[in-house]
């Protein structure tokens, strides 16, 4: 039986109608499942985290190759199906809940086709974790934002934060027809490898706060985009403008600044805040 036929059968059996708000599109392409496991080089020494286990097709194949699989699923209807289908797999741990809220045991790899609806918060959550590598499928536009070049339309906060924390590589494409029900867009498979930052900043929190602030107005000149940032430190508008005018690259737009240049801007802001006794 094909994965598509099996998916439809299981959904009927468990009386499950996929929920759009949960991004429930089930991968039904056997070859894509095989490739994802191959890209992650899964072996018996690995503990693999799967986010959004769905009906357990990827889970089953991971269990055949990994030492242990931690499968997380938020939908209680799918949890019932997972526990029935995978109950005999001694190396599979099924967790019910939001992956970003439940307690997750240690893992060293991630292989998953997470729901599009959680792509951004999940990605930022992963960037704070320690693991060897993750092989994930994301909506095409989102995946391209991870690797966007400076000045391109996809370049932004996601690009800069990812570059600082990890190496990203686009590995493969998944046509929308490989899912059931098919989403409106195609997907890409990416590999994420955490790394030490490629450049240093004085204060990481300020750096990330600056990145978030300036990319909400990425088409304005930096001097104008950064002024609202200072309000959280009770800096007067006049003083904020004065600091903004003193920053490096103040006449360029945030989308034109490399991550390293934004790091220099953030360091200068730290220097000014400390000079004023605000940090």
C-alpha atoms as a PDB file:
ATOM      1  CA  UNK A   1       0.000   0.000   0.000  1.00  0.00           C
ATOM      2  CA  UNK A   2       1.355   3.461  -0.895  1.00  0.00           C
ATOM      3  CA  UNK A   3       1.910   6.019   1.845  1.00  0.00           C
ATOM      4  CA  UNK A   4      -0.839   8.146   0.340  1.00  0.00           C
ATOM      5  CA  UNK A   5      -3.335   5.284   0.533  1.00  0.00           C
ATOM      6  CA  UNK A   6      -2.180   4.393   4.044  1.00  0.00           C
ATOM      7  CA  UNK A   7      -2.525   8.024   5.149  1.00  0.00           C
ATOM      8  CA  UNK A   8      -6.082   8.254   3.859  1.00  0.00           C
ATOM      9  CA  UNK A   9      -6.944   4.910   5.461  1.00  0.00           C
ATOM     10  CA  UNK A  10      -5.572   5.908   8.862  1.00  0.00           C
ATOM     11  CA  UNK A  11      -7.253   9.298   8.786  1.00  0.00           C
ATOM     12  CA  UNK A  12     -10.571   7.611   8.061  1.00  0.00           C
ATOM     13  CA  UNK A  13     -10.009   4.945  10.710  1.00  0.00           C
ATOM     14  CA  UNK A  14      -9.199   7.470  13.453  1.00  0.00           C
ATOM     15  CA  UNK A  15     -11.800   9.945  12.159  1.00  0.00           C
ATOM     16  CA  UNK A  16      -9.186  12.652  11.754  1.00  0.00           C
ATOM     17  CA  UNK A  17      -9.688  15.675   9.537  1.00  0.00           C
ATOM     18  CA  UNK A  18      -6.357  17.514   9.105  1.00  0.00           C
ATOM     19  CA  UNK A  19      -6.400  20.925  10.761  1.00  0.00           C
ATOM     20  CA  UNK A  20      -5.136  23.864   8.712  1.00  0.00           C
ATOM     21  CA  UNK A  21      -4.345  25.903  11.818  1.00  0.00           C
ATOM     22  CA  UNK A  22      -1.952  23.150  12.959  1.00  0.00           C
ATOM     23  CA  UNK A  23      -0.357  22.924   9.523  1.00  0.00           C
ATOM     24  CA  UNK A  24      -1.237  19.245   9.217  1.00  0.00           C
ATOM     25  CA  UNK A  25       0.105  18.146   5.854  1.00  0.00           C
ATOM     26  CA  UNK A  26       1.439  14.579   5.960  1.00  0.00           C
ATOM     27  CA  UNK A  27       4.521  13.664   3.923  1.00  0.00           C
ATOM     28  CA  UNK A  28       3.554  10.677   1.759  1.00  0.00           C
ATOM     29  CA  UNK A  29       6.643  10.352  -0.446  1.00  0.00           C
ATOM     30  CA  UNK A  30       8.717   7.322   0.514  1.00  0.00           C
ATOM     31  CA  UNK A  31      11.770   8.567  -1.388  1.00  0.00           C
ATOM     32  CA  UNK A  32      11.765  11.929   0.428  1.00  0.00           C
ATOM     33  CA  UNK A  33      11.578  10.163   3.799  1.00  0.00           C
ATOM     34  CA  UNK A  34      14.558   8.020   2.808  1.00  0.00           C
ATOM     35  CA  UNK A  35      16.551  11.036   1.659  1.00  0.00           C
ATOM     36  CA  UNK A  36      15.942  12.981   4.877  1.00  0.00           C
ATOM     37  CA  UNK A  37      17.269  10.108   6.970  1.00  0.00           C
ATOM     38  CA  UNK A  38      20.238   9.746   4.633  1.00  0.00           C
ATOM     39  CA  UNK A  39      21.034  13.491   4.757  1.00  0.00           C
ATOM     40  CA  UNK A  40      21.169  13.293   8.563  1.00  0.00           C
ATOM     41  CA  UNK A  41      23.498  10.239   8.476  1.00  0.00           C
ATOM     42  CA  UNK A  42      21.421   8.500  11.146  1.00  0.00           C
ATOM     43  CA  UNK A  43      23.124   5.645  13.004  1.00  0.00           C
ATOM     44  CA  UNK A  44      22.565   3.554  16.139  1.00  0.00           C
ATOM     45  CA  UNK A  45      24.579   6.068  18.141  1.00  0.00           C
ATOM     46  CA  UNK A  46      22.045   8.832  17.546  1.00  0.00           C
ATOM     47  CA  UNK A  47      19.159  10.129  19.631  1.00  0.00           C
ATOM     48  CA  UNK A  48      16.838  11.802  17.135  1.00  0.00           C
ATOM     49  CA  UNK A  49      14.153  14.382  17.869  1.00  0.00           C
ATOM     50  CA  UNK A  50      11.142  14.443  15.538  1.00  0.00           C
ATOM     51  CA  UNK A  51       8.811  17.444  15.803  1.00  0.00           C
ATOM     52  CA  UNK A  52       5.242  16.872  14.670  1.00  0.00           C
ATOM     53  CA  UNK A  53       5.315  13.093  14.319  1.00  0.00           C
ATOM     54  CA  UNK A  54       1.882  12.961  12.663  1.00  0.00           C
ATOM     55  CA  UNK A  55       0.971   9.400  11.682  1.00  0.00           C
ATOM     56  CA  UNK A  56       4.469   8.118  12.393  1.00  0.00           C
ATOM     57  CA  UNK A  57       5.785   7.252   8.918  1.00  0.00           C
ATOM     58  CA  UNK A  58       9.061   9.114   9.423  1.00  0.00           C
ATOM     59  CA  UNK A  59       9.145   7.938  13.046  1.00  0.00           C
ATOM     60  CA  UNK A  60       9.068   4.286  11.995  1.00  0.00           C
ATOM     61  CA  UNK A  61      11.909   4.730   9.534  1.00  0.00           C
ATOM     62  CA  UNK A  62      13.994   6.698  12.021  1.00  0.00           C
ATOM     63  CA  UNK A  63      13.485   3.920  14.594  1.00  0.00           C
ATOM     64  CA  UNK A  64      14.947   1.414  12.135  1.00  0.00           C
ATOM     65  CA  UNK A  65      18.173   3.428  11.915  1.00  0.00           C
ATOM     66  CA  UNK A  66      18.618   5.362  15.179  1.00  0.00           C
ATOM     67  CA  UNK A  67      19.393   4.270  18.705  1.00  0.00           C
ATOM     68  CA  UNK A  68      16.455   6.242  20.049  1.00  0.00           C
ATOM     69  CA  UNK A  69      13.702   8.446  18.632  1.00  0.00           C
ATOM     70  CA  UNK A  70      11.878  11.153  20.593  1.00  0.00           C
ATOM     71  CA  UNK A  71       8.638  11.826  18.712  1.00  0.00           C
ATOM     72  CA  UNK A  72       6.676  14.912  19.769  1.00  0.00           C
ATOM     73  CA  UNK A  73       3.075  15.506  18.682  1.00  0.00           C
ATOM     74  CA  UNK A  74       0.635  18.142  19.929  1.00  0.00           C
ATOM     75  CA  UNK A  75      -2.613  16.699  18.513  1.00  0.00           C
ATOM     76  CA  UNK A  76      -4.230  14.217  20.921  1.00  0.00           C
ATOM     77  CA  UNK A  77      -5.993  12.494  18.007  1.00  0.00           C
ATOM     78  CA  UNK A  78      -2.664  11.710  16.376  1.00  0.00           C
ATOM     79  CA  UNK A  79      -1.106  10.707  19.703  1.00  0.00           C
ATOM     80  CA  UNK A  80      -3.673   7.903  19.924  1.00  0.00           C
ATOM     81  CA  UNK A  81      -2.704   6.673  16.445  1.00  0.00           C
ATOM     82  CA  UNK A  82       1.017   6.967  17.172  1.00  0.00           C
ATOM     83  CA  UNK A  83       0.819   4.970  20.396  1.00  0.00           C
ATOM     84  CA  UNK A  84      -1.155   2.196  18.748  1.00  0.00           C
ATOM     85  CA  UNK A  85       1.087   1.979  15.721  1.00  0.00           C
ATOM     86  CA  UNK A  86       4.477   2.429  17.407  1.00  0.00           C
ATOM     87  CA  UNK A  87       3.829   0.811  20.784  1.00  0.00           C
ATOM     88  CA  UNK A  88       6.017  -2.158  19.892  1.00  0.00           C
ATOM     89  CA  UNK A  89       9.045  -0.019  19.016  1.00  0.00           C
ATOM     90  CA  UNK A  90      11.128  -0.090  22.173  1.00  0.00           C
ATOM     91  CA  UNK A  91      13.419   2.727  21.027  1.00  0.00           C
ATOM     92  CA  UNK A  92      10.613   5.253  20.397  1.00  0.00           C
ATOM     93  CA  UNK A  93       9.496   7.725  23.069  1.00  0.00           C
ATOM     94  CA  UNK A  94       6.251   9.534  22.241  1.00  0.00           C
ATOM     95  CA  UNK A  95       5.672  12.891  23.931  1.00  0.00           C
ATOM     96  CA  UNK A  96       2.331  14.690  23.852  1.00  0.00           C
ATOM     97  CA  UNK A  97       2.481  18.468  23.750  1.00  0.00           C
ATOM     98  CA  UNK A  98       4.115  21.562  22.316  1.00  0.00           C
ATOM     99  CA  UNK A  99       7.779  20.774  21.638  1.00  0.00           C
ATOM    100  CA  UNK A 100       8.763  24.249  22.851  1.00  0.00           C
ATOM    101  CA  UNK A 101       7.010  23.730  26.192  1.00  0.00           C
ATOM    102  CA  UNK A 102       7.350  20.067  27.152  1.00  0.00           C
ATOM    103  CA  UNK A 103      10.482  18.638  28.751  1.00  0.00           C
ATOM    104  CA  UNK A 104      12.623  17.105  25.990  1.00  0.00           C
ATOM    105  CA  UNK A 105      15.335  14.534  26.822  1.00  0.00           C
ATOM    106  CA  UNK A 106      18.800  15.126  25.389  1.00  0.00           C
ATOM    107  CA  UNK A 107      19.139  14.557  21.657  1.00  0.00           C
ATOM    108  CA  UNK A 108      21.948  14.998  19.161  1.00  0.00           C
ATOM    109  CA  UNK A 109      20.045  15.156  15.870  1.00  0.00           C
ATOM    110  CA  UNK A 110      16.731  16.451  14.585  1.00  0.00           C
ATOM    111  CA  UNK A 111      14.899  15.039  11.573  1.00  0.00           C
ATOM    112  CA  UNK A 112      11.445  16.429  10.988  1.00  0.00           C
ATOM    113  CA  UNK A 113       8.786  17.875   8.708  1.00  0.00           C
ATOM    114  CA  UNK A 114       7.374  20.382  11.203  1.00  0.00           C
ATOM    115  CA  UNK A 115       4.121  22.266  10.554  1.00  0.00           C
ATOM    116  CA  UNK A 116       4.591  25.478   8.581  1.00  0.00           C
ATOM    117  CA  UNK A 117       2.589  27.277  11.278  1.00  0.00           C
ATOM    118  CA  UNK A 118       5.434  26.997  13.805  1.00  0.00           C
ATOM    119  CA  UNK A 119       8.413  27.436  11.455  1.00  0.00           C
ATOM    120  CA  UNK A 120       9.689  30.727  12.864  1.00  0.00           C
ATOM    121  CA  UNK A 121       9.312  30.133  16.642  1.00  0.00           C
ATOM    122  CA  UNK A 122      10.557  26.555  16.231  1.00  0.00           C
ATOM    123  CA  UNK A 123      13.623  27.723  14.323  1.00  0.00           C
ATOM    124  CA  UNK A 124      14.546  30.307  16.965  1.00  0.00           C
ATOM    125  CA  UNK A 125      13.953  27.648  19.650  1.00  0.00           C
ATOM    126  CA  UNK A 126      16.327  25.237  17.906  1.00  0.00           C
ATOM    127  CA  UNK A 127      19.015  27.914  17.610  1.00  0.00           C
ATOM    128  CA  UNK A 128      19.185  27.979  21.411  1.00  0.00           C
ATOM    129  CA  UNK A 129      19.707  24.199  21.677  1.00  0.00           C
ATOM    130  CA  UNK A 130      22.836  22.069  21.493  1.00  0.00           C
ATOM    131  CA  UNK A 131      22.862  19.289  18.907  1.00  0.00           C
ATOM    132  CA  UNK A 132      24.988  18.060  16.013  1.00  0.00           C
ATOM    133  CA  UNK A 133      22.691  18.737  13.092  1.00  0.00           C
ATOM    134  CA  UNK A 134      19.058  19.058  12.025  1.00  0.00           C
ATOM    135  CA  UNK A 135      17.498  18.037   8.724  1.00  0.00           C
ATOM    136  CA  UNK A 136      14.161  19.798   8.326  1.00  0.00           C
ATOM    137  CA  UNK A 137      11.600  20.624   5.683  1.00  0.00           C
ATOM    138  CA  UNK A 138      10.331  24.189   5.566  1.00  0.00           C
ATOM    139  CA  UNK A 139       8.111  26.188   3.267  1.00  0.00           C
ATOM    140  CA  UNK A 140      10.256  27.311   0.316  1.00  0.00           C
ATOM    141  CA  UNK A 141      10.059  31.024   1.076  1.00  0.00           C
ATOM    142  CA  UNK A 142      10.947  30.508   4.741  1.00  0.00           C
ATOM    143  CA  UNK A 143      13.923  28.276   3.878  1.00  0.00           C
ATOM    144  CA  UNK A 144      15.256  30.868   1.436  1.00  0.00           C
ATOM    145  CA  UNK A 145      15.117  33.512   4.163  1.00  0.00           C
ATOM    146  CA  UNK A 146      17.552  31.419   6.189  1.00  0.00           C
ATOM    147  CA  UNK A 147      20.239  31.667   3.519  1.00  0.00           C
ATOM    148  CA  UNK A 148      19.389  35.011   1.904  1.00  0.00           C
ATOM    149  CA  UNK A 149      22.166  37.300   0.713  1.00  0.00           C
ATOM    150  CA  UNK A 150      22.600  40.825   2.063  1.00  0.00           C
ATOM    151  CA  UNK A 151      20.320  43.282   0.282  1.00  0.00           C
ATOM    152  CA  UNK A 152      17.974  40.642  -1.158  1.00  0.00           C
ATOM    153  CA  UNK A 153      14.234  40.740  -0.528  1.00  0.00           C
ATOM    154  CA  UNK A 154      14.438  37.672   1.760  1.00  0.00           C
ATOM    155  CA  UNK A 155      17.258  39.088   3.919  1.00  0.00           C
ATOM    156  CA  UNK A 156      16.197  39.984   7.449  1.00  0.00           C
ATOM    157  CA  UNK A 157      16.183  39.149  11.144  1.00  0.00           C
ATOM    158  CA  UNK A 158      15.876  35.421  10.476  1.00  0.00           C
ATOM    159  CA  UNK A 159      18.917  35.475   8.182  1.00  0.00           C
ATOM    160  CA  UNK A 160      21.142  37.418  10.566  1.00  0.00           C
ATOM    161  CA  UNK A 161      20.203  35.445  13.684  1.00  0.00           C
ATOM    162  CA  UNK A 162      20.668  32.137  11.885  1.00  0.00           C
ATOM    163  CA  UNK A 163      24.040  33.167  10.444  1.00  0.00           C
ATOM    164  CA  UNK A 164      25.253  34.084  13.935  1.00  0.00           C
ATOM    165  CA  UNK A 165      24.206  30.751  15.451  1.00  0.00           C
ATOM    166  CA  UNK A 166      24.494  28.121  12.731  1.00  0.00           C
ATOM    167  CA  UNK A 167      25.477  27.022   9.247  1.00  0.00           C
ATOM    168  CA  UNK A 168      22.551  26.396   6.908  1.00  0.00           C
ATOM    169  CA  UNK A 169      22.519  24.461   3.662  1.00  0.00           C
ATOM    170  CA  UNK A 170      19.612  23.892   1.278  1.00  0.00           C
ATOM    171  CA  UNK A 171      19.712  20.215   0.327  1.00  0.00           C
ATOM    172  CA  UNK A 172      16.666  19.318  -1.717  1.00  0.00           C
ATOM    173  CA  UNK A 173      13.211  20.312  -2.911  1.00  0.00           C
ATOM    174  CA  UNK A 174       9.883  18.732  -1.973  1.00  0.00           C
ATOM    175  CA  UNK A 175       6.995  19.393  -4.374  1.00  0.00           C
ATOM    176  CA  UNK A 176       3.703  20.178  -2.687  1.00  0.00           C
ATOM    177  CA  UNK A 177       2.241  16.999  -4.204  1.00  0.00           C
ATOM    178  CA  UNK A 178       4.450  14.968  -1.844  1.00  0.00           C
ATOM    179  CA  UNK A 179       2.130  15.920   1.027  1.00  0.00           C
ATOM    180  CA  UNK A 180      -1.468  15.043   1.862  1.00  0.00           C
ATOM    181  CA  UNK A 181      -3.420  17.184   1.842  1.00  0.00           C
ATOM    182  CA  UNK A 182      -1.100  19.135  -0.475  1.00  0.00           C
ATOM    183  CA  UNK A 183      -0.149  22.608   0.801  1.00  0.00           C
ATOM    184  CA  UNK A 184      -0.273  25.624  -1.507  1.00  0.00           C
ATOM    185  CA  UNK A 185       3.521  25.894  -1.834  1.00  0.00           C
ATOM    186  CA  UNK A 186       6.556  23.689  -2.323  1.00  0.00           C
ATOM    187  CA  UNK A 187       9.056  22.950   0.444  1.00  0.00           C
ATOM    188  CA  UNK A 188      12.822  22.729   0.772  1.00  0.00           C
ATOM    189  CA  UNK A 189      14.924  20.406   2.896  1.00  0.00           C
ATOM    190  CA  UNK A 190      17.621  22.223   4.854  1.00  0.00           C
ATOM    191  CA  UNK A 191      20.496  21.112   7.058  1.00  0.00           C
ATOM    192  CA  UNK A 192      21.155  23.201  10.176  1.00  0.00           C
ATOM    193  CA  UNK A 193      24.461  22.835  12.042  1.00  0.00           C
ATOM    194  CA  UNK A 194      24.965  24.892  15.225  1.00  0.00           C
ATOM    195  CA  UNK A 195      28.345  26.608  15.443  1.00  0.00           C
ATOM    196  CA  UNK A 196      30.294  29.173  17.417  1.00  0.00           C
ATOM    197  CA  UNK A 197      29.526  32.728  16.271  1.00  0.00           C
ATOM    198  CA  UNK A 198      31.664  33.784  13.254  1.00  0.00           C
ATOM    199  CA  UNK A 199      32.195  37.203  14.844  1.00  0.00           C
ATOM    200  CA  UNK A 200      32.119  38.581  18.387  1.00  0.00           C
ATOM    201  CA  UNK A 201      29.797  41.141  19.910  1.00  0.00           C
ATOM    202  CA  UNK A 202      30.100  42.877  23.272  1.00  0.00           C
ATOM    203  CA  UNK A 203      26.574  41.994  24.427  1.00  0.00           C
ATOM    204  CA  UNK A 204      24.609  39.247  22.652  1.00  0.00           C
ATOM    205  CA  UNK A 205      21.253  40.297  24.119  1.00  0.00           C
ATOM    206  CA  UNK A 206      21.653  43.852  22.858  1.00  0.00           C
ATOM    207  CA  UNK A 207      22.832  42.522  19.491  1.00  0.00           C
ATOM    208  CA  UNK A 208      19.717  40.367  19.042  1.00  0.00           C
ATOM    209  CA  UNK A 209      17.470  43.177  20.306  1.00  0.00           C
ATOM    210  CA  UNK A 210      19.020  45.563  17.777  1.00  0.00           C
ATOM    211  CA  UNK A 211      18.569  43.015  14.981  1.00  0.00           C
ATOM    212  CA  UNK A 212      14.894  42.615  15.902  1.00  0.00           C
ATOM    213  CA  UNK A 213      14.358  46.377  16.137  1.00  0.00           C
ATOM    214  CA  UNK A 214      15.979  47.481  12.893  1.00  0.00           C
ATOM    215  CA  UNK A 215      14.418  44.772  10.744  1.00  0.00           C
ATOM    216  CA  UNK A 216      10.917  45.877  11.670  1.00  0.00           C
ATOM    217  CA  UNK A 217      11.795  48.943   9.558  1.00  0.00           C
ATOM    218  CA  UNK A 218      14.423  47.481   7.260  1.00  0.00           C
ATOM    219  CA  UNK A 219      13.776  49.890   4.377  1.00  0.00           C
ATOM    220  CA  UNK A 220      14.331  53.028   6.459  1.00  0.00           C
ATOM    221  CA  UNK A 221      17.810  54.411   6.964  1.00  0.00           C
ATOM    222  CA  UNK A 222      19.467  52.939  10.034  1.00  0.00           C
ATOM    223  CA  UNK A 223      19.477  56.279  11.878  1.00  0.00           C
ATOM    224  CA  UNK A 224      15.668  56.376  11.639  1.00  0.00           C
ATOM    225  CA  UNK A 225      15.044  52.661  12.154  1.00  0.00           C
ATOM    226  CA  UNK A 226      17.027  52.527  15.415  1.00  0.00           C
ATOM    227  CA  UNK A 227      15.583  55.588  17.207  1.00  0.00           C
ATOM    228  CA  UNK A 228      12.509  53.764  18.671  1.00  0.00           C
ATOM    229  CA  UNK A 229      14.868  51.151  20.163  1.00  0.00           C
ATOM    230  CA  UNK A 230      16.166  53.640  22.746  1.00  0.00           C
ATOM    231  CA  UNK A 231      12.744  54.305  24.270  1.00  0.00           C
ATOM    232  CA  UNK A 232      13.061  51.130  26.363  1.00  0.00           C
ATOM    233  CA  UNK A 233      16.039  52.741  28.134  1.00  0.00           C
ATOM    234  CA  UNK A 234      14.103  55.965  28.829  1.00  0.00           C
ATOM    235  CA  UNK A 235      16.368  57.905  26.495  1.00  0.00           C
ATOM    236  CA  UNK A 236      14.819  61.180  25.327  1.00  0.00           C
ATOM    237  CA  UNK A 237      13.964  61.546  21.649  1.00  0.00           C
ATOM    238  CA  UNK A 238      16.591  64.257  21.265  1.00  0.00           C
ATOM    239  CA  UNK A 239      19.310  62.098  22.816  1.00  0.00           C
ATOM    240  CA  UNK A 240      18.190  59.018  20.830  1.00  0.00           C
ATOM    241  CA  UNK A 241      18.525  60.960  17.575  1.00  0.00           C
ATOM    242  CA  UNK A 242      21.964  62.190  18.639  1.00  0.00           C
ATOM    243  CA  UNK A 243      23.124  58.612  19.351  1.00  0.00           C
ATOM    244  CA  UNK A 244      21.576  57.340  16.119  1.00  0.00           C
ATOM    245  CA  UNK A 245      23.429  60.010  14.129  1.00  0.00           C
ATOM    246  CA  UNK A 246      26.718  58.945  15.700  1.00  0.00           C
ATOM    247  CA  UNK A 247      26.381  55.253  14.763  1.00  0.00           C
ATOM    248  CA  UNK A 248      28.438  53.679  11.995  1.00  0.00           C
ATOM    249  CA  UNK A 249      26.546  53.048   8.721  1.00  0.00           C
ATOM    250  CA  UNK A 250      23.729  55.343   9.923  1.00  0.00           C
ATOM    251  CA  UNK A 251      22.828  56.411   6.365  1.00  0.00           C
ATOM    252  CA  UNK A 252      22.458  52.861   5.064  1.00  0.00           C
ATOM    253  CA  UNK A 253      19.341  50.693   5.330  1.00  0.00           C
ATOM    254  CA  UNK A 254      19.285  47.649   7.637  1.00  0.00           C
ATOM    255  CA  UNK A 255      18.717  45.309   4.665  1.00  0.00           C
ATOM    256  CA  UNK A 256      22.031  46.581   3.221  1.00  0.00           C
ATOM    257  CA  UNK A 257      24.076  45.761   6.347  1.00  0.00           C
ATOM    258  CA  UNK A 258      25.944  42.493   6.769  1.00  0.00           C
ATOM    259  CA  UNK A 259      25.608  40.614  10.091  1.00  0.00           C
ATOM    260  CA  UNK A 260      29.140  41.723  10.988  1.00  0.00           C
ATOM    261  CA  UNK A 261      28.287  45.373  10.340  1.00  0.00           C
ATOM    262  CA  UNK A 262      25.151  45.084  12.473  1.00  0.00           C
ATOM    263  CA  UNK A 263      27.409  43.643  15.180  1.00  0.00           C
ATOM    264  CA  UNK A 264      29.547  46.802  15.022  1.00  0.00           C
ATOM    265  CA  UNK A 265      26.419  48.941  15.309  1.00  0.00           C
ATOM    266  CA  UNK A 266      25.250  46.956  18.353  1.00  0.00           C
ATOM    267  CA  UNK A 267      28.675  47.298  20.003  1.00  0.00           C
ATOM    268  CA  UNK A 268      28.577  51.062  19.506  1.00  0.00           C
ATOM    269  CA  UNK A 269      25.089  51.183  21.042  1.00  0.00           C
ATOM    270  CA  UNK A 270      26.350  49.260  24.081  1.00  0.00           C
ATOM    271  CA  UNK A 271      29.186  51.766  24.397  1.00  0.00           C
ATOM    272  CA  UNK A 272      26.751  54.712  24.290  1.00  0.00           C
ATOM    273  CA  UNK A 273      24.317  53.131  26.764  1.00  0.00           C
ATOM    274  CA  UNK A 274      27.138  52.436  29.210  1.00  0.00           C
ATOM    275  CA  UNK A 275      28.445  55.992  28.804  1.00  0.00           C
ATOM    276  CA  UNK A 276      25.015  57.272  29.825  1.00  0.00           C
ATOM    277  CA  UNK A 277      24.796  54.806  32.731  1.00  0.00           C
ATOM    278  CA  UNK A 278      21.866  52.986  31.154  1.00  0.00           C
ATOM    279  CA  UNK A 279      23.428  49.549  30.890  1.00  0.00           C
END
